Amino acid sequence: MNRIDIKVLSSYTESHQTEIRYHMGGVTMDTPDGQLTYINNGSDVLGVAHLDTVQAPAPTRRTRGKLHSPTLDNRLGAFLVCHYIPTHIGNIDILLTDNEERGRSTGQYFHPSKTYNWIFSFDRGGADNVLYQYDSIAMRAELENFGLDVGIGSYSDIVDMSHLGANGVNFGCGMQNYHFQDSYTRTSVLLSQLAKFRRFFVAHKNTAMEYVKRERPESIYGSMHYDYTDCDECNQEFTDDKNLGYIWDYGLCKSCAYNVHSEAYLEGYPSSMNCDHCGADYVDMENIHSLWDTDYCMECYDKNK
């Protein structure tokens, strides 16, 4: 992949968002939660980035294997959708939002006159990619065909944009310590993700990936009590909550949930079959405890909690 132009990236991380909106042109509108700017380039794919930041604007500097700036979240994403992807990968429409960091993205007020094939952002640490409410067996399979691993996330702009009727993906871009002064991204991870995105984009830029909301009975968040009767994948009947995994809008048995790499919302179910600390095999489900994205046996959990 093409190298990251640090001068151009720095122009995004050190500028006030009004400067970026002015530079990009397009149509800017006020909303109850801030501004949004839309650049219609005639594409059927929409790239989204938020311009609000936790830290004050600051330049980007490069060290060996890393790019550093306290505003990489999400000025790196803005650089990618506004400059890098249109220059090196392909034509996209662009939406620049505000107030994502407060959980009130102005993307919720975006109502274009056309339907997009799919939408995306680069607003994710690490090298996995998240689907939020757009999660499905089919979408996971499409991403994994291109080496794009699927994880679990909580919120970004695209969570508030399902009214567009198109599936969305938030791609990881190697960020670490985002929201802090020592925020950085690993260049190797970022370029690897962009190479995978390029292959996915070339293959699917003309593919309509419609989002269809799955109607579900009301559930109790975080309690493992969901009113599902059978697995959405293999149709195995649930006899009790102990065999129920939950991935966003999908009720899966634990076997199917494991196969699609579920790690969260599945209390006590491992992402591997060994303790991540001591390497011991899990004997049964009672000997597992999860600490964030790490699965420990109970002995190691007691030592590290």
Protein backbone atom coordinates (compact mmCIF):
# COMPACT_ATOMS: atom_id res chain seq x y z
CA MET A 1 0.00 0.00 0.00
CA ASN A 2 1.01 3.65 -0.47
CA ARG A 3 2.82 5.31 2.40
CA ILE A 4 0.97 7.64 4.73
CA ASP A 5 1.70 11.28 3.87
CA ILE A 6 2.45 12.64 7.33
CA LYS A 7 2.18 16.28 6.22
CA VAL A 8 -1.35 15.75 4.93
CA LEU A 9 -2.31 13.68 7.99
CA SER A 10 -0.92 16.40 10.24
CA SER A 11 -3.10 18.97 8.49
CA TYR A 12 -6.10 16.99 9.74
CA THR A 13 -4.89 16.33 13.29
CA GLU A 14 -3.81 19.95 13.96
CA SER A 15 -6.72 21.85 12.36
CA HIS A 16 -9.98 23.04 13.86
CA GLN A 17 -12.92 21.16 12.42
CA THR A 18 -14.32 24.31 10.79
CA GLU A 19 -11.11 24.55 8.72
CA ILE A 20 -11.49 20.96 7.55
CA ARG A 21 -15.15 21.48 6.62
CA TYR A 22 -14.23 24.63 4.67
CA HIS A 23 -11.38 22.86 2.87
CA MET A 24 -13.56 19.89 1.90
CA GLY A 25 -16.43 21.98 0.56
CA GLY A 26 -19.64 20.07 0.10
CA VAL A 27 -22.82 20.92 2.01
CA THR A 28 -22.67 21.74 5.72
CA MET A 29 -25.81 21.82 7.83
CA ASP A 30 -26.53 22.59 11.47
CA THR A 31 -28.29 20.01 13.64
CA PRO A 32 -29.41 19.99 17.30
CA ASP A 33 -26.12 18.21 18.12
CA GLY A 34 -23.67 20.10 15.94
CA GLN A 35 -22.75 20.20 12.27
CA LEU A 36 -22.47 17.62 9.54
CA THR A 37 -20.80 18.04 6.17
CA TYR A 38 -21.72 15.96 3.13
CA ILE A 39 -19.61 15.62 -0.01
CA ASN A 40 -21.47 13.86 -2.81
CA ASN A 41 -18.93 12.43 -5.25
CA GLY A 42 -21.42 10.23 -7.08
CA SER A 43 -20.41 7.04 -5.29
CA ASP A 44 -22.62 4.26 -3.93
CA VAL A 45 -20.36 3.80 -0.88
CA LEU A 46 -20.29 6.29 2.01
CA GLY A 47 -17.26 6.91 4.23
CA VAL A 48 -17.96 8.49 7.62
CA ALA A 49 -15.64 10.25 10.08
CA HIS A 50 -16.25 12.47 13.10
CA LEU A 51 -14.26 15.69 13.48
CA ASP A 52 -14.80 16.23 17.20
CA THR A 53 -11.89 15.13 19.38
CA VAL A 54 -11.24 14.58 23.08
CA GLN A 55 -7.82 16.30 22.99
CA ALA A 56 -6.94 19.67 21.48
CA PRO A 57 -5.74 19.71 17.84
CA ALA A 58 -2.04 18.86 17.51
CA PRO A 59 0.40 17.92 14.73
CA THR A 60 1.32 14.34 13.82
CA ARG A 61 4.86 13.08 14.27
CA ARG A 62 6.41 9.88 13.02
CA THR A 63 8.67 7.53 14.96
CA ARG A 64 9.85 4.09 13.92
CA GLY A 65 6.72 2.11 13.08
CA LYS A 66 4.30 4.59 14.67
CA LEU A 67 2.36 7.76 13.96
CA HIS A 68 1.67 9.95 17.00
CA SER A 69 -1.00 12.57 17.68
CA PRO A 70 -3.49 13.07 20.53
CA THR A 71 -6.27 13.63 17.97
CA LEU A 72 -5.90 10.48 15.86
CA ASP A 73 -9.41 9.62 17.07
CA ASN A 74 -10.92 10.39 14.63
CA ARG A 75 -8.79 12.75 12.57
CA LEU A 76 -6.98 9.68 11.23
CA GLY A 77 -10.36 8.44 10.02
CA ALA A 78 -11.07 11.85 8.47
CA PHE A 79 -7.70 11.77 6.67
CA LEU A 80 -8.48 8.28 5.33
CA VAL A 81 -11.97 9.02 4.00
CA CYS A 82 -11.19 12.54 2.77
CA HIS A 83 -7.74 11.99 1.27
CA TYR A 84 -6.13 8.55 1.35
CA ILE A 85 -9.00 6.36 0.13
CA PRO A 86 -10.15 8.72 -2.68
CA THR A 87 -6.52 9.15 -3.79
CA HIS A 88 -5.26 5.57 -3.58
CA ILE A 89 -8.25 3.20 -3.45
CA GLY A 90 -11.45 4.50 -5.05
CA ASN A 91 -14.21 7.07 -5.22
CA ILE A 92 -16.49 7.42 -2.19
CA ASP A 93 -19.03 9.87 -0.84
CA ILE A 94 -18.02 11.48 2.44
CA LEU A 95 -19.87 12.43 5.63
CA LEU A 96 -18.08 14.41 8.35
CA THR A 97 -19.93 14.43 11.66
CA ASP A 98 -19.72 16.01 15.10
CA ASN A 99 -20.39 15.00 18.72
CA GLU A 100 -19.59 11.31 18.29
CA GLU A 101 -17.44 11.44 21.42
CA ARG A 102 -20.53 12.35 23.42
CA GLY A 103 -22.57 9.54 21.93
CA ARG A 104 -24.75 11.90 19.89
CA SER A 105 -23.30 11.70 16.39
CA THR A 106 -24.81 14.15 13.93
CA GLY A 107 -24.90 11.23 11.51
CA GLN A 108 -28.34 10.53 12.93
CA TYR A 109 -29.62 13.62 11.10
CA PHE A 110 -28.22 12.62 7.71
CA HIS A 111 -30.95 11.84 5.17
CA PRO A 112 -29.50 11.60 1.65
CA SER A 113 -31.57 11.47 -1.49
CA LYS A 114 -30.08 8.12 -2.52
CA THR A 115 -29.55 4.68 -1.02
CA TYR A 116 -25.98 3.52 -0.40
CA ASN A 117 -24.67 0.03 -1.02
CA TRP A 118 -22.86 0.13 2.34
CA ILE A 119 -21.28 2.61 4.73
CA PHE A 120 -18.03 2.50 6.67
CA SER A 121 -15.68 4.31 9.02
CA PHE A 122 -12.12 3.92 10.31
CA ASP A 123 -12.73 4.72 13.97
CA ARG A 124 -11.48 1.66 15.79
CA GLY A 125 -8.33 0.73 17.69
CA GLY A 126 -6.38 -2.41 16.90
CA ALA A 127 -6.84 -4.62 13.85
CA ASP A 128 -10.34 -6.01 14.20
CA ASN A 129 -13.53 -4.64 12.68
CA VAL A 130 -17.00 -4.22 14.15
CA LEU A 131 -20.54 -4.41 12.78
CA TYR A 132 -22.74 -3.34 15.71
CA GLN A 133 -26.42 -3.85 14.79
CA TYR A 134 -25.38 -4.75 11.23
CA ASP A 135 -23.89 -8.01 12.50
CA SER A 136 -24.94 -11.17 10.71
CA ILE A 137 -23.46 -14.50 9.72
CA ALA A 138 -23.36 -13.34 6.07
CA MET A 139 -21.63 -10.02 6.80
CA ARG A 140 -19.03 -11.70 8.99
CA ALA A 141 -18.34 -14.23 6.24
CA GLU A 142 -17.87 -11.48 3.64
CA LEU A 143 -15.37 -9.62 5.81
CA GLU A 144 -13.49 -12.74 6.87
CA ASN A 145 -13.11 -13.73 3.19
CA PHE A 146 -10.76 -10.75 2.94
CA GLY A 147 -8.93 -11.44 6.20
CA LEU A 148 -10.94 -8.86 8.13
CA ASP A 149 -11.56 -10.29 11.59
CA VAL A 150 -14.77 -9.27 13.33
CA GLY A 151 -14.85 -8.12 16.94
CA ILE A 152 -17.33 -6.49 19.28
CA GLY A 153 -17.72 -2.72 19.70
CA SER A 154 -19.94 -0.32 21.60
CA TYR A 155 -20.43 2.88 19.60
CA SER A 156 -19.33 4.97 16.64
CA ASP A 157 -21.06 7.19 14.07
CA ILE A 158 -22.53 4.34 12.05
CA VAL A 159 -24.50 3.04 15.04
CA ASP A 160 -26.75 6.08 14.59
CA MET A 161 -27.11 5.61 10.83
CA SER A 162 -29.08 2.40 10.33
CA HIS A 163 -31.96 4.54 9.00
CA LEU A 164 -30.00 4.68 5.72
CA GLY A 165 -30.95 1.04 5.11
CA ALA A 166 -27.38 -0.04 4.30
CA ASN A 167 -25.05 -2.28 6.30
CA GLY A 168 -22.08 -0.63 7.95
CA VAL A 169 -18.57 -1.58 9.07
CA ASN A 170 -16.20 0.22 11.41
CA PHE A 171 -12.67 -0.82 10.41
CA GLY A 172 -9.78 -0.96 12.86
CA CYS A 173 -6.85 1.32 12.05
CA GLY A 174 -4.22 0.36 14.61
CA MET A 175 -4.90 3.13 17.13
CA GLN A 176 -3.66 2.76 20.70
CA ASN A 177 -4.25 5.00 23.73
CA TYR A 178 -6.76 7.04 21.79
CA HIS A 179 -8.35 9.90 23.78
CA PHE A 180 -4.97 10.42 25.50
CA GLN A 181 -1.95 12.64 24.83
CA ASP A 182 0.22 9.66 23.94
CA SER A 183 -2.16 8.33 21.30
CA TYR A 184 -0.50 6.59 18.36
CA THR A 185 -1.20 4.13 15.56
CA ARG A 186 1.05 1.32 14.38
CA THR A 187 1.87 1.97 10.73
CA SER A 188 2.13 -1.73 9.88
CA VAL A 189 -1.35 -2.44 11.25
CA LEU A 190 -2.84 0.59 9.50
CA LEU A 191 -1.35 -0.29 6.11
CA SER A 192 -2.37 -3.94 6.49
CA GLN A 193 -5.94 -2.89 7.25
CA LEU A 194 -5.98 -0.54 4.28
CA ALA A 195 -4.73 -3.30 1.97
CA LYS A 196 -7.54 -5.59 3.14
CA PHE A 197 -10.06 -2.75 2.83
CA ARG A 198 -8.90 -2.09 -0.72
CA ARG A 199 -9.59 -5.69 -1.74
CA PHE A 200 -12.98 -5.61 -0.02
CA PHE A 201 -13.84 -2.27 -1.64
CA VAL A 202 -12.87 -3.35 -5.16
CA ALA A 203 -14.91 -6.55 -4.81
CA HIS A 204 -17.99 -4.95 -3.22
CA LYS A 205 -18.23 -1.29 -4.19
CA ASN A 206 -21.13 -2.21 -6.48
CA THR A 207 -22.71 -4.73 -4.08
CA ALA A 208 -25.88 -3.60 -2.30
CA MET A 209 -25.64 -4.74 1.32
CA GLU A 210 -29.09 -3.93 2.63
CA TYR A 211 -29.65 -3.54 6.35
CA VAL A 212 -32.82 -5.24 7.53
CA LYS A 213 -33.70 -4.68 11.16
CA ARG A 214 -34.42 -7.91 12.96
CA GLU A 215 -37.49 -7.60 15.16
CA ARG A 216 -36.93 -9.21 18.52
CA PRO A 217 -38.90 -9.44 21.75
CA GLU A 218 -37.76 -6.93 24.34
CA SER A 219 -34.75 -8.18 26.28
CA ILE A 220 -32.92 -7.23 29.44
CA TYR A 221 -29.50 -5.83 28.54
CA GLY A 222 -26.59 -7.45 30.28
CA SER A 223 -28.50 -10.19 32.11
CA MET A 224 -28.36 -13.22 29.79
CA HIS A 225 -32.16 -13.33 29.84
CA TYR A 226 -33.43 -13.14 26.29
CA ASP A 227 -36.70 -14.38 24.94
CA TYR A 228 -35.29 -16.65 22.23
CA THR A 229 -36.51 -20.19 21.60
CA ASP A 230 -33.89 -21.57 19.20
CA CYS A 231 -30.51 -20.82 17.64
CA ASP A 232 -30.65 -18.47 14.64
CA GLU A 233 -27.92 -20.48 12.90
CA CYS A 234 -28.49 -24.21 13.56
CA ASN A 235 -32.07 -24.03 14.92
CA GLN A 236 -31.17 -25.97 18.07
CA GLU A 237 -33.86 -25.42 20.67
CA PHE A 238 -32.83 -23.60 23.85
CA THR A 239 -33.78 -25.47 26.99
CA ASP A 240 -32.40 -22.77 29.30
CA ASP A 241 -30.20 -19.67 29.26
CA LYS A 242 -27.00 -21.66 29.88
CA ASN A 243 -26.71 -22.58 26.20
CA LEU A 244 -27.55 -19.11 24.90
CA GLY A 245 -24.98 -16.83 23.31
CA TYR A 246 -25.93 -13.33 22.21
CA ILE A 247 -24.38 -11.33 19.37
CA TRP A 248 -26.24 -8.04 18.89
CA ASP A 249 -29.58 -8.98 17.29
CA TYR A 250 -28.78 -12.70 17.06
CA GLY A 251 -29.54 -15.47 19.54
CA LEU A 252 -27.04 -18.29 18.96
CA CYS A 253 -26.22 -21.49 20.78
CA LYS A 254 -22.75 -21.37 22.31
CA SER A 255 -21.32 -23.65 19.63
CA CYS A 256 -22.42 -21.33 16.80
CA ALA A 257 -21.45 -18.24 18.77
CA TYR A 258 -17.95 -19.64 19.19
CA ASN A 259 -17.74 -20.31 15.45
CA VAL A 260 -18.39 -16.64 14.65
CA HIS A 261 -15.82 -15.47 17.20
CA SER A 262 -18.14 -14.10 19.86
CA GLU A 263 -16.19 -12.88 22.86
CA ALA A 264 -18.46 -10.41 24.63
CA TYR A 265 -22.07 -10.61 25.81
CA LEU A 266 -21.36 -14.28 26.33
CA GLU A 267 -20.44 -14.40 30.01
CA GLY A 268 -17.82 -17.01 30.66
CA TYR A 269 -17.51 -18.31 27.09
CA PRO A 270 -13.92 -18.38 25.83
CA SER A 271 -12.43 -16.96 22.62
CA SER A 272 -9.90 -19.81 22.83
CA MET A 273 -9.87 -23.16 24.59
CA ASN A 274 -6.87 -22.33 26.81
CA CYS A 275 -6.23 -19.81 29.56
CA ASP A 276 -4.57 -16.73 28.02
CA HIS A 277 -2.33 -16.40 31.09
CA CYS A 278 -1.09 -19.88 32.07
CA GLY A 279 -2.09 -21.84 28.96
CA ALA A 280 -4.00 -24.52 30.86
CA ASP A 281 -6.83 -26.26 29.02
CA TYR A 282 -10.34 -25.41 30.13
CA VAL A 283 -11.95 -28.43 31.72
CA ASP A 284 -15.48 -27.08 31.73
CA MET A 285 -17.40 -23.82 31.43
CA GLU A 286 -17.26 -23.24 35.20
CA ASN A 287 -13.48 -22.73 35.07
CA ILE A 288 -13.56 -19.66 32.80
CA HIS A 289 -13.71 -15.97 33.55
CA SER A 290 -13.29 -13.10 31.07
CA LEU A 291 -11.34 -9.94 31.74
CA TRP A 292 -12.19 -7.59 28.87
CA ASP A 293 -10.83 -9.37 25.76
CA THR A 294 -8.78 -11.88 27.76
CA ASP A 295 -10.04 -15.25 28.98
CA TYR A 296 -8.50 -16.54 32.21
CA CYS A 297 -9.01 -19.72 34.18
CA MET A 298 -10.46 -18.95 37.59
CA GLU A 299 -7.12 -19.39 39.36
CA CYS A 300 -5.39 -16.83 37.12
CA TYR A 301 -8.42 -14.54 37.28
CA ASP A 302 -8.20 -14.43 41.09
CA LYS A 303 -4.53 -13.43 40.79
CA ASN A 304 -5.02 -10.77 38.12
CA LYS A 305 -8.40 -9.15 38.79
